[in-house]
Amino acid sequence: VTNQRILVERGVLSKSLQEIDMRSIDDTEF
């Protein structure tokens, strides 16, 4: 989590990276 975006990196054999711009966030819950 940075002050600009959220990065989610996943993968055991292959890798995927999902980027979420902080300005596009509508809601959060835990």
mmCIF file of all heavy atoms, coordinates in Angstrom:
data_MODEL
# 
_entry.id   MODEL 
# 
loop_
_atom_site.group_PDB 
_atom_site.id 
_atom_site.type_symbol 
_atom_site.label_atom_id 
_atom_site.label_alt_id 
_atom_site.label_comp_id 
_atom_site.label_asym_id 
_atom_site.label_entity_id 
_atom_site.label_seq_id 
_atom_site.pdbx_PDB_ins_code 
_atom_site.Cartn_x 
_atom_site.Cartn_y 
_atom_site.Cartn_z 
_atom_site.occupancy 
_atom_site.B_iso_or_equiv 
_atom_site.pdbx_formal_charge 
_atom_site.auth_seq_id 
_atom_site.auth_comp_id 
_atom_site.auth_asym_id 
_atom_site.auth_atom_id 
_atom_site.pdbx_PDB_model_num 
ATOM 1   N N   . VAL A 1 1  ? 0.862   -1.184  0.000   1.00 0.00 ? 1  VAL A N   1 
ATOM 2   C CA  . VAL A 1 1  ? 0.000   0.000   0.000   1.00 0.00 ? 1  VAL A CA  1 
ATOM 3   C C   . VAL A 1 1  ? 0.897   1.232   0.000   1.00 0.00 ? 1  VAL A C   1 
ATOM 4   O O   . VAL A 1 1  ? 1.738   1.403   0.889   1.00 0.00 ? 1  VAL A O   1 
ATOM 5   C CB  . VAL A 1 1  ? -0.927  0.022   1.235   1.00 0.00 ? 1  VAL A CB  1 
ATOM 6   C CG1 . VAL A 1 1  ? -1.756  1.302   1.244   1.00 0.00 ? 1  VAL A CG1 1 
ATOM 7   C CG2 . VAL A 1 1  ? -1.824  -1.207  1.260   1.00 0.00 ? 1  VAL A CG2 1 
ATOM 8   N N   . THR A 1 2  ? 0.744   2.074   -1.008  1.00 0.00 ? 2  THR A N   1 
ATOM 9   C CA  . THR A 1 2  ? 1.464   3.342   -1.046  1.00 0.00 ? 2  THR A CA  1 
ATOM 10  C C   . THR A 1 2  ? 0.455   4.472   -0.923  1.00 0.00 ? 2  THR A C   1 
ATOM 11  O O   . THR A 1 2  ? -0.756  4.240   -0.834  1.00 0.00 ? 2  THR A O   1 
ATOM 12  C CB  . THR A 1 2  ? 2.271   3.495   -2.356  1.00 0.00 ? 2  THR A CB  1 
ATOM 13  O OG1 . THR A 1 2  ? 1.379   3.800   -3.434  1.00 0.00 ? 2  THR A OG1 1 
ATOM 14  C CG2 . THR A 1 2  ? 3.033   2.212   -2.682  1.00 0.00 ? 2  THR A CG2 1 
ATOM 15  N N   . ASN A 1 3  ? 0.931   5.697   -0.933  1.00 0.00 ? 3  ASN A N   1 
ATOM 16  C CA  . ASN A 1 3  ? 0.027   6.839   -0.870  1.00 0.00 ? 3  ASN A CA  1 
ATOM 17  C C   . ASN A 1 3  ? -0.680  7.101   -2.192  1.00 0.00 ? 3  ASN A C   1 
ATOM 18  O O   . ASN A 1 3  ? -1.489  8.025   -2.296  1.00 0.00 ? 3  ASN A O   1 
ATOM 19  C CB  . ASN A 1 3  ? 0.781   8.094   -0.436  1.00 0.00 ? 3  ASN A CB  1 
ATOM 20  C CG  . ASN A 1 3  ? 1.904   8.443   -1.402  1.00 0.00 ? 3  ASN A CG  1 
ATOM 21  O OD1 . ASN A 1 3  ? 2.459   7.574   -2.073  1.00 0.00 ? 3  ASN A OD1 1 
ATOM 22  N ND2 . ASN A 1 3  ? 2.245   9.708   -1.472  1.00 0.00 ? 3  ASN A ND2 1 
ATOM 23  N N   . GLN A 1 4  ? -0.404  6.247   -3.206  1.00 0.00 ? 4  GLN A N   1 
ATOM 24  C CA  . GLN A 1 4  ? -1.015  6.435   -4.513  1.00 0.00 ? 4  GLN A CA  1 
ATOM 25  C C   . GLN A 1 4  ? -1.786  5.214   -5.012  1.00 0.00 ? 4  GLN A C   1 
ATOM 26  O O   . GLN A 1 4  ? -2.745  5.363   -5.758  1.00 0.00 ? 4  GLN A O   1 
ATOM 27  C CB  . GLN A 1 4  ? 0.058   6.783   -5.557  1.00 0.00 ? 4  GLN A CB  1 
ATOM 28  C CG  . GLN A 1 4  ? 0.808   8.059   -5.248  1.00 0.00 ? 4  GLN A CG  1 
ATOM 29  C CD  . GLN A 1 4  ? 1.894   8.347   -6.267  1.00 0.00 ? 4  GLN A CD  1 
ATOM 30  O OE1 . GLN A 1 4  ? 2.019   7.636   -7.271  1.00 0.00 ? 4  GLN A OE1 1 
ATOM 31  N NE2 . GLN A 1 4  ? 2.692   9.358   -6.018  1.00 0.00 ? 4  GLN A NE2 1 
ATOM 32  N N   . ARG A 1 5  ? -1.408  4.022   -4.575  1.00 0.00 ? 5  ARG A N   1 
ATOM 33  C CA  . ARG A 1 5  ? -2.014  2.814   -5.131  1.00 0.00 ? 5  ARG A CA  1 
ATOM 34  C C   . ARG A 1 5  ? -1.847  1.631   -4.198  1.00 0.00 ? 5  ARG A C   1 
ATOM 35  O O   . ARG A 1 5  ? -1.075  1.674   -3.235  1.00 0.00 ? 5  ARG A O   1 
ATOM 36  C CB  . ARG A 1 5  ? -1.401  2.484   -6.494  1.00 0.00 ? 5  ARG A CB  1 
ATOM 37  C CG  . ARG A 1 5  ? 0.123   2.374   -6.455  1.00 0.00 ? 5  ARG A CG  1 
ATOM 38  C CD  . ARG A 1 5  ? 0.719   2.151   -7.819  1.00 0.00 ? 5  ARG A CD  1 
ATOM 39  N NE  . ARG A 1 5  ? 2.181   2.232   -7.753  1.00 0.00 ? 5  ARG A NE  1 
ATOM 40  C CZ  . ARG A 1 5  ? 2.985   1.851   -8.733  1.00 0.00 ? 5  ARG A CZ  1 
ATOM 41  N NH1 . ARG A 1 5  ? 2.476   1.361   -9.854  1.00 0.00 ? 5  ARG A NH1 1 
ATOM 42  N NH2 . ARG A 1 5  ? 4.294   1.955   -8.603  1.00 0.00 ? 5  ARG A NH2 1 
ATOM 43  N N   . ILE A 1 6  ? -2.584  0.559   -4.511  1.00 0.00 ? 6  ILE A N   1 
ATOM 44  C CA  . ILE A 1 6  ? -2.475  -0.713  -3.803  1.00 0.00 ? 6  ILE A CA  1 
ATOM 45  C C   . ILE A 1 6  ? -2.029  -1.757  -4.821  1.00 0.00 ? 6  ILE A C   1 
ATOM 46  O O   . ILE A 1 6  ? -2.626  -1.879  -5.896  1.00 0.00 ? 6  ILE A O   1 
ATOM 47  C CB  . ILE A 1 6  ? -3.816  -1.122  -3.175  1.00 0.00 ? 6  ILE A CB  1 
ATOM 48  C CG1 . ILE A 1 6  ? -4.276  -0.067  -2.169  1.00 0.00 ? 6  ILE A CG1 1 
ATOM 49  C CG2 . ILE A 1 6  ? -3.705  -2.487  -2.499  1.00 0.00 ? 6  ILE A CG2 1 
ATOM 50  C CD1 . ILE A 1 6  ? -5.669  -0.323  -1.623  1.00 0.00 ? 6  ILE A CD1 1 
ATOM 51  N N   . LEU A 1 7  ? -0.984  -2.498  -4.490  1.00 0.00 ? 7  LEU A N   1 
ATOM 52  C CA  . LEU A 1 7  ? -0.452  -3.526  -5.379  1.00 0.00 ? 7  LEU A CA  1 
ATOM 53  C C   . LEU A 1 7  ? -0.668  -4.892  -4.744  1.00 0.00 ? 7  LEU A C   1 
ATOM 54  O O   . LEU A 1 7  ? -0.338  -5.097  -3.576  1.00 0.00 ? 7  LEU A O   1 
ATOM 55  C CB  . LEU A 1 7  ? 1.038   -3.297  -5.637  1.00 0.00 ? 7  LEU A CB  1 
ATOM 56  C CG  . LEU A 1 7  ? 1.412   -1.954  -6.287  1.00 0.00 ? 7  LEU A CG  1 
ATOM 57  C CD1 . LEU A 1 7  ? 2.918   -1.773  -6.294  1.00 0.00 ? 7  LEU A CD1 1 
ATOM 58  C CD2 . LEU A 1 7  ? 0.860   -1.876  -7.702  1.00 0.00 ? 7  LEU A CD2 1 
ATOM 59  N N   . VAL A 1 8  ? -1.214  -5.823  -5.521  1.00 0.00 ? 8  VAL A N   1 
ATOM 60  C CA  . VAL A 1 8  ? -1.448  -7.194  -5.070  1.00 0.00 ? 8  VAL A CA  1 
ATOM 61  C C   . VAL A 1 8  ? -0.728  -8.125  -6.036  1.00 0.00 ? 8  VAL A C   1 
ATOM 62  O O   . VAL A 1 8  ? -1.096  -8.229  -7.207  1.00 0.00 ? 8  VAL A O   1 
ATOM 63  C CB  . VAL A 1 8  ? -2.945  -7.532  -5.026  1.00 0.00 ? 8  VAL A CB  1 
ATOM 64  C CG1 . VAL A 1 8  ? -3.144  -8.956  -4.524  1.00 0.00 ? 8  VAL A CG1 1 
ATOM 65  C CG2 . VAL A 1 8  ? -3.692  -6.545  -4.136  1.00 0.00 ? 8  VAL A CG2 1 
ATOM 66  N N   . GLU A 1 9  ? 0.300   -8.796  -5.545  1.00 0.00 ? 9  GLU A N   1 
ATOM 67  C CA  . GLU A 1 9  ? 1.092   -9.717  -6.370  1.00 0.00 ? 9  GLU A CA  1 
ATOM 68  C C   . GLU A 1 9  ? 0.822   -11.142 -5.918  1.00 0.00 ? 9  GLU A C   1 
ATOM 69  O O   . GLU A 1 9  ? 0.933   -11.458 -4.733  1.00 0.00 ? 9  GLU A O   1 
ATOM 70  C CB  . GLU A 1 9  ? 2.582   -9.396  -6.252  1.00 0.00 ? 9  GLU A CB  1 
ATOM 71  C CG  . GLU A 1 9  ? 3.452   -10.258 -7.151  1.00 0.00 ? 9  GLU A CG  1 
ATOM 72  C CD  . GLU A 1 9  ? 4.922   -9.880  -7.076  1.00 0.00 ? 9  GLU A CD  1 
ATOM 73  O OE1 . GLU A 1 9  ? 5.237   -8.863  -6.402  1.00 0.00 ? 9  GLU A OE1 1 
ATOM 74  O OE2 . GLU A 1 9  ? 5.750   -10.589 -7.664  1.00 0.00 ? 9  GLU A OE2 1 
ATOM 75  N N   . ARG A 1 10 ? 0.453   -12.005 -6.868  1.00 0.00 ? 10 ARG A N   1 
ATOM 76  C CA  . ARG A 1 10 ? 0.133   -13.390 -6.553  1.00 0.00 ? 10 ARG A CA  1 
ATOM 77  C C   . ARG A 1 10 ? 0.789   -14.306 -7.583  1.00 0.00 ? 10 ARG A C   1 
ATOM 78  O O   . ARG A 1 10 ? 1.110   -13.885 -8.687  1.00 0.00 ? 10 ARG A O   1 
ATOM 79  C CB  . ARG A 1 10 ? -1.377  -13.637 -6.574  1.00 0.00 ? 10 ARG A CB  1 
ATOM 80  C CG  . ARG A 1 10 ? -2.190  -12.889 -5.529  1.00 0.00 ? 10 ARG A CG  1 
ATOM 81  C CD  . ARG A 1 10 ? -3.633  -13.379 -5.546  1.00 0.00 ? 10 ARG A CD  1 
ATOM 82  N NE  . ARG A 1 10 ? -4.454  -12.750 -4.530  1.00 0.00 ? 10 ARG A NE  1 
ATOM 83  C CZ  . ARG A 1 10 ? -5.242  -11.710 -4.740  1.00 0.00 ? 10 ARG A CZ  1 
ATOM 84  N NH1 . ARG A 1 10 ? -5.299  -11.190 -5.948  1.00 0.00 ? 10 ARG A NH1 1 
ATOM 85  N NH2 . ARG A 1 10 ? -5.965  -11.187 -3.772  1.00 0.00 ? 10 ARG A NH2 1 
ATOM 86  N N   . GLY A 1 11 ? 0.922   -15.595 -7.188  1.00 0.00 ? 11 GLY A N   1 
ATOM 87  C CA  . GLY A 1 11 ? 1.371   -16.592 -8.150  1.00 0.00 ? 11 GLY A CA  1 
ATOM 88  C C   . GLY A 1 11 ? 2.487   -17.458 -7.608  1.00 0.00 ? 11 GLY A C   1 
ATOM 89  O O   . GLY A 1 11 ? 3.422   -16.944 -6.990  1.00 0.00 ? 11 GLY A O   1 
ATOM 90  N N   . VAL A 1 12 ? 2.366   -18.764 -7.820  1.00 0.00 ? 12 VAL A N   1 
ATOM 91  C CA  . VAL A 1 12 ? 3.408   -19.709 -7.414  1.00 0.00 ? 12 VAL A CA  1 
ATOM 92  C C   . VAL A 1 12 ? 4.339   -19.976 -8.587  1.00 0.00 ? 12 VAL A C   1 
ATOM 93  O O   . VAL A 1 12 ? 5.539   -19.727 -8.527  1.00 0.00 ? 12 VAL A O   1 
ATOM 94  C CB  . VAL A 1 12 ? 2.783   -21.023 -6.900  1.00 0.00 ? 12 VAL A CB  1 
ATOM 95  C CG1 . VAL A 1 12 ? 3.877   -22.011 -6.510  1.00 0.00 ? 12 VAL A CG1 1 
ATOM 96  C CG2 . VAL A 1 12 ? 1.870   -20.754 -5.712  1.00 0.00 ? 12 VAL A CG2 1 
ATOM 97  N N   . LEU A 1 13 ? 3.796   -20.484 -9.683  1.00 0.00 ? 13 LEU A N   1 
ATOM 98  C CA  . LEU A 1 13 ? 4.593   -20.731 -10.882 1.00 0.00 ? 13 LEU A CA  1 
ATOM 99  C C   . LEU A 1 13 ? 4.587   -19.505 -11.790 1.00 0.00 ? 13 LEU A C   1 
ATOM 100 O O   . LEU A 1 13 ? 5.644   -19.042 -12.221 1.00 0.00 ? 13 LEU A O   1 
ATOM 101 C CB  . LEU A 1 13 ? 4.044   -21.951 -11.628 1.00 0.00 ? 13 LEU A CB  1 
ATOM 102 C CG  . LEU A 1 13 ? 4.069   -23.265 -10.829 1.00 0.00 ? 13 LEU A CG  1 
ATOM 103 C CD1 . LEU A 1 13 ? 3.478   -24.400 -11.649 1.00 0.00 ? 13 LEU A CD1 1 
ATOM 104 C CD2 . LEU A 1 13 ? 5.483   -23.614 -10.382 1.00 0.00 ? 13 LEU A CD2 1 
ATOM 105 N N   . SER A 1 14 ? 3.411   -18.981 -12.086 1.00 0.00 ? 14 SER A N   1 
ATOM 106 C CA  . SER A 1 14 ? 3.304   -17.731 -12.836 1.00 0.00 ? 14 SER A CA  1 
ATOM 107 C C   . SER A 1 14 ? 2.920   -16.608 -11.872 1.00 0.00 ? 14 SER A C   1 
ATOM 108 O O   . SER A 1 14 ? 2.389   -16.873 -10.798 1.00 0.00 ? 14 SER A O   1 
ATOM 109 C CB  . SER A 1 14 ? 2.247   -17.857 -13.944 1.00 0.00 ? 14 SER A CB  1 
ATOM 110 O OG  . SER A 1 14 ? 0.977   -18.144 -13.376 1.00 0.00 ? 14 SER A OG  1 
ATOM 111 N N   . LYS A 1 15 ? 3.203   -15.384 -12.252 1.00 0.00 ? 15 LYS A N   1 
ATOM 112 C CA  . LYS A 1 15 ? 2.953   -14.231 -11.393 1.00 0.00 ? 15 LYS A CA  1 
ATOM 113 C C   . LYS A 1 15 ? 1.904   -13.316 -12.016 1.00 0.00 ? 15 LYS A C   1 
ATOM 114 O O   . LYS A 1 15 ? 1.847   -13.145 -13.238 1.00 0.00 ? 15 LYS A O   1 
ATOM 115 C CB  . LYS A 1 15 ? 4.248   -13.434 -11.173 1.00 0.00 ? 15 LYS A CB  1 
ATOM 116 C CG  . LYS A 1 15 ? 5.275   -14.131 -10.304 1.00 0.00 ? 15 LYS A CG  1 
ATOM 117 C CD  . LYS A 1 15 ? 4.852   -14.155 -8.847  1.00 0.00 ? 15 LYS A CD  1 
ATOM 118 C CE  . LYS A 1 15 ? 5.932   -14.750 -7.964  1.00 0.00 ? 15 LYS A CE  1 
ATOM 119 N NZ  . LYS A 1 15 ? 5.523   -14.812 -6.555  1.00 0.00 ? 15 LYS A NZ  1 
ATOM 120 N N   . SER A 1 16 ? 1.080   -12.718 -11.176 1.00 0.00 ? 16 SER A N   1 
ATOM 121 C CA  . SER A 1 16 ? 0.130   -11.701 -11.623 1.00 0.00 ? 16 SER A CA  1 
ATOM 122 C C   . SER A 1 16 ? 0.225   -10.509 -10.671 1.00 0.00 ? 16 SER A C   1 
ATOM 123 O O   . SER A 1 16 ? 0.451   -10.685 -9.465  1.00 0.00 ? 16 SER A O   1 
ATOM 124 C CB  . SER A 1 16 ? -1.300  -12.247 -11.644 1.00 0.00 ? 16 SER A CB  1 
ATOM 125 O OG  . SER A 1 16 ? -1.746  -12.544 -10.335 1.00 0.00 ? 16 SER A OG  1 
ATOM 126 N N   . LEU A 1 17 ? 0.058   -9.319  -11.217 1.00 0.00 ? 17 LEU A N   1 
ATOM 127 C CA  . LEU A 1 17 ? 0.134   -8.089  -10.426 1.00 0.00 ? 17 LEU A CA  1 
ATOM 128 C C   . LEU A 1 17 ? -1.103  -7.252  -10.701 1.00 0.00 ? 17 LEU A C   1 
ATOM 129 O O   . LEU A 1 17 ? -1.368  -6.881  -11.837 1.00 0.00 ? 17 LEU A O   1 
ATOM 130 C CB  . LEU A 1 17 ? 1.399   -7.294  -10.783 1.00 0.00 ? 17 LEU A CB  1 
ATOM 131 C CG  . LEU A 1 17 ? 1.602   -5.990  -10.012 1.00 0.00 ? 17 LEU A CG  1 
ATOM 132 C CD1 . LEU A 1 17 ? 1.798   -6.269  -8.529  1.00 0.00 ? 17 LEU A CD1 1 
ATOM 133 C CD2 . LEU A 1 17 ? 2.804   -5.219  -10.567 1.00 0.00 ? 17 LEU A CD2 1 
ATOM 134 N N   . GLN A 1 18 ? -1.852  -6.982  -9.643  1.00 0.00 ? 18 GLN A N   1 
ATOM 135 C CA  . GLN A 1 18 ? -3.049  -6.141  -9.744  1.00 0.00 ? 18 GLN A CA  1 
ATOM 136 C C   . GLN A 1 18 ? -2.776  -4.809  -9.076  1.00 0.00 ? 18 GLN A C   1 
ATOM 137 O O   . GLN A 1 18 ? -2.270  -4.755  -7.951  1.00 0.00 ? 18 GLN A O   1 
ATOM 138 C CB  . GLN A 1 18 ? -4.246  -6.828  -9.089  1.00 0.00 ? 18 GLN A CB  1 
ATOM 139 C CG  . GLN A 1 18 ? -5.542  -6.050  -9.217  1.00 0.00 ? 18 GLN A CG  1 
ATOM 140 C CD  . GLN A 1 18 ? -6.720  -6.788  -8.607  1.00 0.00 ? 18 GLN A CD  1 
ATOM 141 O OE1 . GLN A 1 18 ? -6.548  -7.755  -7.871  1.00 0.00 ? 18 GLN A OE1 1 
ATOM 142 N NE2 . GLN A 1 18 ? -7.928  -6.342  -8.907  1.00 0.00 ? 18 GLN A NE2 1 
ATOM 143 N N   . GLU A 1 19 ? -3.111  -3.732  -9.775  1.00 0.00 ? 19 GLU A N   1 
ATOM 144 C CA  . GLU A 1 19 ? -2.860  -2.380  -9.260  1.00 0.00 ? 19 GLU A CA  1 
ATOM 145 C C   . GLU A 1 19 ? -4.181  -1.636  -9.121  1.00 0.00 ? 19 GLU A C   1 
ATOM 146 O O   . GLU A 1 19 ? -4.997  -1.618  -10.039 1.00 0.00 ? 19 GLU A O   1 
ATOM 147 C CB  . GLU A 1 19 ? -1.929  -1.616  -10.203 1.00 0.00 ? 19 GLU A CB  1 
ATOM 148 C CG  . GLU A 1 19 ? -1.667  -0.177  -9.764  1.00 0.00 ? 19 GLU A CG  1 
ATOM 149 C CD  . GLU A 1 19 ? -0.708  0.540   -10.688 1.00 0.00 ? 19 GLU A CD  1 
ATOM 150 O OE1 . GLU A 1 19 ? 0.160   -0.123  -11.279 1.00 0.00 ? 19 GLU A OE1 1 
ATOM 151 O OE2 . GLU A 1 19 ? -0.844  1.766   -10.828 1.00 0.00 ? 19 GLU A OE2 1 
ATOM 152 N N   . ILE A 1 20 ? -4.386  -1.043  -7.951  1.00 0.00 ? 20 ILE A N   1 
ATOM 153 C CA  . ILE A 1 20 ? -5.606  -0.275  -7.677  1.00 0.00 ? 20 ILE A CA  1 
ATOM 154 C C   . ILE A 1 20 ? -5.199  1.158   -7.365  1.00 0.00 ? 20 ILE A C   1 
ATOM 155 O O   . ILE A 1 20 ? -4.465  1.403   -6.404  1.00 0.00 ? 20 ILE A O   1 
ATOM 156 C CB  . ILE A 1 20 ? -6.387  -0.870  -6.493  1.00 0.00 ? 20 ILE A CB  1 
ATOM 157 C CG1 . ILE A 1 20 ? -6.698  -2.348  -6.745  1.00 0.00 ? 20 ILE A CG1 1 
ATOM 158 C CG2 . ILE A 1 20 ? -7.659  -0.080  -6.241  1.00 0.00 ? 20 ILE A CG2 1 
ATOM 159 C CD1 . ILE A 1 20 ? -7.211  -3.064  -5.523  1.00 0.00 ? 20 ILE A CD1 1 
ATOM 160 N N   . ASP A 1 21 ? -5.659  2.087   -8.165  1.00 0.00 ? 21 ASP A N   1 
ATOM 161 C CA  . ASP A 1 21 ? -5.378  3.503   -7.925  1.00 0.00 ? 21 ASP A CA  1 
ATOM 162 C C   . ASP A 1 21 ? -6.172  3.970   -6.703  1.00 0.00 ? 21 ASP A C   1 
ATOM 163 O O   . ASP A 1 21 ? -7.369  3.713   -6.595  1.00 0.00 ? 21 ASP A O   1 
ATOM 164 C CB  . ASP A 1 21 ? -5.766  4.320   -9.157  1.00 0.00 ? 21 ASP A CB  1 
ATOM 165 C CG  . ASP A 1 21 ? -5.168  5.717   -9.128  1.00 0.00 ? 21 ASP A CG  1 
ATOM 166 O OD1 . ASP A 1 21 ? -5.361  6.429   -8.116  1.00 0.00 ? 21 ASP A OD1 1 
ATOM 167 O OD2 . ASP A 1 21 ? -4.513  6.096   -10.108 1.00 0.00 ? 21 ASP A OD2 1 
ATOM 168 N N   . MET A 1 22 ? -5.506  4.653   -5.805  1.00 0.00 ? 22 MET A N   1 
ATOM 169 C CA  . MET A 1 22 ? -6.170  5.136   -4.591  1.00 0.00 ? 22 MET A CA  1 
ATOM 170 C C   . MET A 1 22 ? -7.363  6.039   -4.912  1.00 0.00 ? 22 MET A C   1 
ATOM 171 O O   . MET A 1 22 ? -8.344  6.071   -4.177  1.00 0.00 ? 22 MET A O   1 
ATOM 172 C CB  . MET A 1 22 ? -5.177  5.901   -3.705  1.00 0.00 ? 22 MET A CB  1 
ATOM 173 C CG  . MET A 1 22 ? -4.291  5.035   -2.853  1.00 0.00 ? 22 MET A CG  1 
ATOM 174 S SD  . MET A 1 22 ? -5.213  4.237   -1.526  1.00 0.00 ? 22 MET A SD  1 
ATOM 175 C CE  . MET A 1 22 ? -3.871  3.427   -0.651  1.00 0.00 ? 22 MET A CE  1 
ATOM 176 N N   . ARG A 1 23 ? -7.277  6.762   -6.028  1.00 0.00 ? 23 ARG A N   1 
ATOM 177 C CA  . ARG A 1 23 ? -8.347  7.692   -6.380  1.00 0.00 ? 23 ARG A CA  1 
ATOM 178 C C   . ARG A 1 23 ? -9.613  6.977   -6.846  1.00 0.00 ? 23 ARG A C   1 
ATOM 179 O O   . ARG A 1 23 ? -10.672 7.587   -6.924  1.00 0.00 ? 23 ARG A O   1 
ATOM 180 C CB  . ARG A 1 23 ? -7.852  8.653   -7.465  1.00 0.00 ? 23 ARG A CB  1 
ATOM 181 C CG  . ARG A 1 23 ? -6.718  9.557   -7.008  1.00 0.00 ? 23 ARG A CG  1 
ATOM 182 C CD  . ARG A 1 23 ? -6.092  10.318  -8.153  1.00 0.00 ? 23 ARG A CD  1 
ATOM 183 N NE  . ARG A 1 23 ? -5.466  9.434   -9.123  1.00 0.00 ? 23 ARG A NE  1 
ATOM 184 C CZ  . ARG A 1 23 ? -4.739  9.861   -10.159 1.00 0.00 ? 23 ARG A CZ  1 
ATOM 185 N NH1 . ARG A 1 23 ? -4.566  11.158  -10.345 1.00 0.00 ? 23 ARG A NH1 1 
ATOM 186 N NH2 . ARG A 1 23 ? -4.207  9.004   -10.996 1.00 0.00 ? 23 ARG A NH2 1 
ATOM 187 N N   . SER A 1 24 ? -9.499  5.668   -7.158  1.00 0.00 ? 24 SER A N   1 
ATOM 188 C CA  . SER A 1 24 ? -10.663 4.917   -7.643  1.00 0.00 ? 24 SER A CA  1 
ATOM 189 C C   . SER A 1 24 ? -11.377 4.154   -6.533  1.00 0.00 ? 24 SER A C   1 
ATOM 190 O O   . SER A 1 24 ? -12.391 3.511   -6.780  1.00 0.00 ? 24 SER A O   1 
ATOM 191 C CB  . SER A 1 24 ? -10.213 3.928   -8.730  1.00 0.00 ? 24 SER A CB  1 
ATOM 192 O OG  . SER A 1 24 ? -9.410  2.899   -8.174  1.00 0.00 ? 24 SER A OG  1 
ATOM 193 N N   . ILE A 1 25 ? -10.857 4.216   -5.301  1.00 0.00 ? 25 ILE A N   1 
ATOM 194 C CA  . ILE A 1 25 ? -11.443 3.447   -4.201  1.00 0.00 ? 25 ILE A CA  1 
ATOM 195 C C   . ILE A 1 25 ? -12.754 4.097   -3.745  1.00 0.00 ? 25 ILE A C   1 
ATOM 196 O O   . ILE A 1 25 ? -12.820 5.290   -3.476  1.00 0.00 ? 25 ILE A O   1 
ATOM 197 C CB  . ILE A 1 25 ? -10.457 3.353   -3.023  1.00 0.00 ? 25 ILE A CB  1 
ATOM 198 C CG1 . ILE A 1 25 ? -9.249  2.502   -3.428  1.00 0.00 ? 25 ILE A CG1 1 
ATOM 199 C CG2 . ILE A 1 25 ? -11.131 2.746   -1.795  1.00 0.00 ? 25 ILE A CG2 1 
ATOM 200 C CD1 . ILE A 1 25 ? -8.179  2.387   -2.356  1.00 0.00 ? 25 ILE A CD1 1 
ATOM 201 N N   . ASP A 1 26 ? -13.795 3.258   -3.674  1.00 0.00 ? 26 ASP A N   1 
ATOM 202 C CA  . ASP A 1 26 ? -15.114 3.729   -3.255  1.00 0.00 ? 26 ASP A CA  1 
ATOM 203 C C   . ASP A 1 26 ? -15.423 3.397   -1.795  1.00 0.00 ? 26 ASP A C   1 
ATOM 204 O O   . ASP A 1 26 ? -16.056 4.172   -1.089  1.00 0.00 ? 26 ASP A O   1 
ATOM 205 C CB  . ASP A 1 26 ? -16.200 3.120   -4.145  1.00 0.00 ? 26 ASP A CB  1 
ATOM 206 C CG  . ASP A 1 26 ? -16.050 3.537   -5.599  1.00 0.00 ? 26 ASP A CG  1 
ATOM 207 O OD1 . ASP A 1 26 ? -15.680 4.699   -5.835  1.00 0.00 ? 26 ASP A OD1 1 
ATOM 208 O OD2 . ASP A 1 26 ? -16.297 2.711   -6.486  1.00 0.00 ? 26 ASP A OD2 1 
ATOM 209 N N   . ASP A 1 27 ? -14.991 2.205   -1.355  1.00 0.00 ? 27 ASP A N   1 
ATOM 210 C CA  . ASP A 1 27 ? -15.342 1.779   -0.001  1.00 0.00 ? 27 ASP A CA  1 
ATOM 211 C C   . ASP A 1 27 ? -14.359 0.702   0.453   1.00 0.00 ? 27 ASP A C   1 
ATOM 212 O O   . ASP A 1 27 ? -13.746 0.018   -0.364  1.00 0.00 ? 27 ASP A O   1 
ATOM 213 C CB  . ASP A 1 27 ? -16.761 1.229   0.024   1.00 0.00 ? 27 ASP A CB  1 
ATOM 214 C CG  . ASP A 1 27 ? -17.289 1.049   1.447   1.00 0.00 ? 27 ASP A CG  1 
ATOM 215 O OD1 . ASP A 1 27 ? -16.709 1.656   2.371   1.00 0.00 ? 27 ASP A OD1 1 
ATOM 216 O OD2 . ASP A 1 27 ? -18.256 0.286   1.637   1.00 0.00 ? 27 ASP A OD2 1 
ATOM 217 N N   . THR A 1 28 ? -14.230 0.561   1.778   1.00 0.00 ? 28 THR A N   1 
ATOM 218 C CA  . THR A 1 28 ? -13.387 -0.478  2.360   1.00 0.00 ? 28 THR A CA  1 
ATOM 219 C C   . THR A 1 28 ? -14.103 -1.061  3.572   1.00 0.00 ? 28 THR A C   1 
ATOM 220 O O   . THR A 1 28 ? -14.844 -0.360  4.265   1.00 0.00 ? 28 THR A O   1 
ATOM 221 C CB  . THR A 1 28 ? -12.015 0.083   2.813   1.00 0.00 ? 28 THR A CB  1 
ATOM 222 O OG1 . THR A 1 28 ? -12.226 1.116   3.783   1.00 0.00 ? 28 THR A OG1 1 
ATOM 223 C CG2 . THR A 1 28 ? -11.227 0.644   1.641   1.00 0.00 ? 28 THR A CG2 1 
ATOM 224 N N   . GLU A 1 29 ? -13.870 -2.340  3.818   1.00 0.00 ? 29 GLU A N   1 
ATOM 225 C CA  . GLU A 1 29 ? -14.430 -2.971  5.009   1.00 0.00 ? 29 GLU A CA  1 
ATOM 226 C C   . GLU A 1 29 ? -13.552 -4.154  5.407   1.00 0.00 ? 29 GLU A C   1 
ATOM 227 O O   . GLU A 1 29 ? -12.866 -4.735  4.558   1.00 0.00 ? 29 GLU A O   1 
ATOM 228 C CB  . GLU A 1 29 ? -15.862 -3.436  4.764   1.00 0.00 ? 29 GLU A CB  1 
ATOM 229 C CG  . GLU A 1 29 ? -16.006 -4.507  3.705   1.00 0.00 ? 29 GLU A CG  1 
ATOM 230 C CD  . GLU A 1 29 ? -17.440 -4.954  3.492   1.00 0.00 ? 29 GLU A CD  1 
ATOM 231 O OE1 . GLU A 1 29 ? -18.350 -4.136  3.765   1.00 0.00 ? 29 GLU A OE1 1 
ATOM 232 O OE2 . GLU A 1 29 ? -17.647 -6.098  3.077   1.00 0.00 ? 29 GLU A OE2 1 
ATOM 233 N N   . PHE A 1 30 ? -13.555 -4.475  6.697   1.00 0.00 ? 30 PHE A N   1 
ATOM 234 C CA  . PHE A 1 30 ? -12.793 -5.634  7.141   1.00 0.00 ? 30 PHE A CA  1 
ATOM 235 C C   . PHE A 1 30 ? -13.714 -6.574  7.895   1.00 0.00 ? 30 PHE A C   1 
ATOM 236 O O   . PHE A 1 30 ? -14.757 -6.182  8.429   1.00 0.00 ? 30 PHE A O   1 
ATOM 237 C CB  . PHE A 1 30 ? -11.604 -5.217  8.018   1.00 0.00 ? 30 PHE A CB  1 
ATOM 238 C CG  . PHE A 1 30 ? -11.971 -4.867  9.433   1.00 0.00 ? 30 PHE A CG  1 
ATOM 239 C CD1 . PHE A 1 30 ? -11.927 -5.822  10.440  1.00 0.00 ? 30 PHE A CD1 1 
ATOM 240 C CD2 . PHE A 1 30 ? -12.364 -3.582  9.773   1.00 0.00 ? 30 PHE A CD2 1 
ATOM 241 C CE1 . PHE A 1 30 ? -12.260 -5.513  11.746  1.00 0.00 ? 30 PHE A CE1 1 
ATOM 242 C CE2 . PHE A 1 30 ? -12.708 -3.256  11.071  1.00 0.00 ? 30 PHE A CE2 1 
ATOM 243 C CZ  . PHE A 1 30 ? -12.652 -4.222  12.062  1.00 0.00 ? 30 PHE A CZ  1 
# 
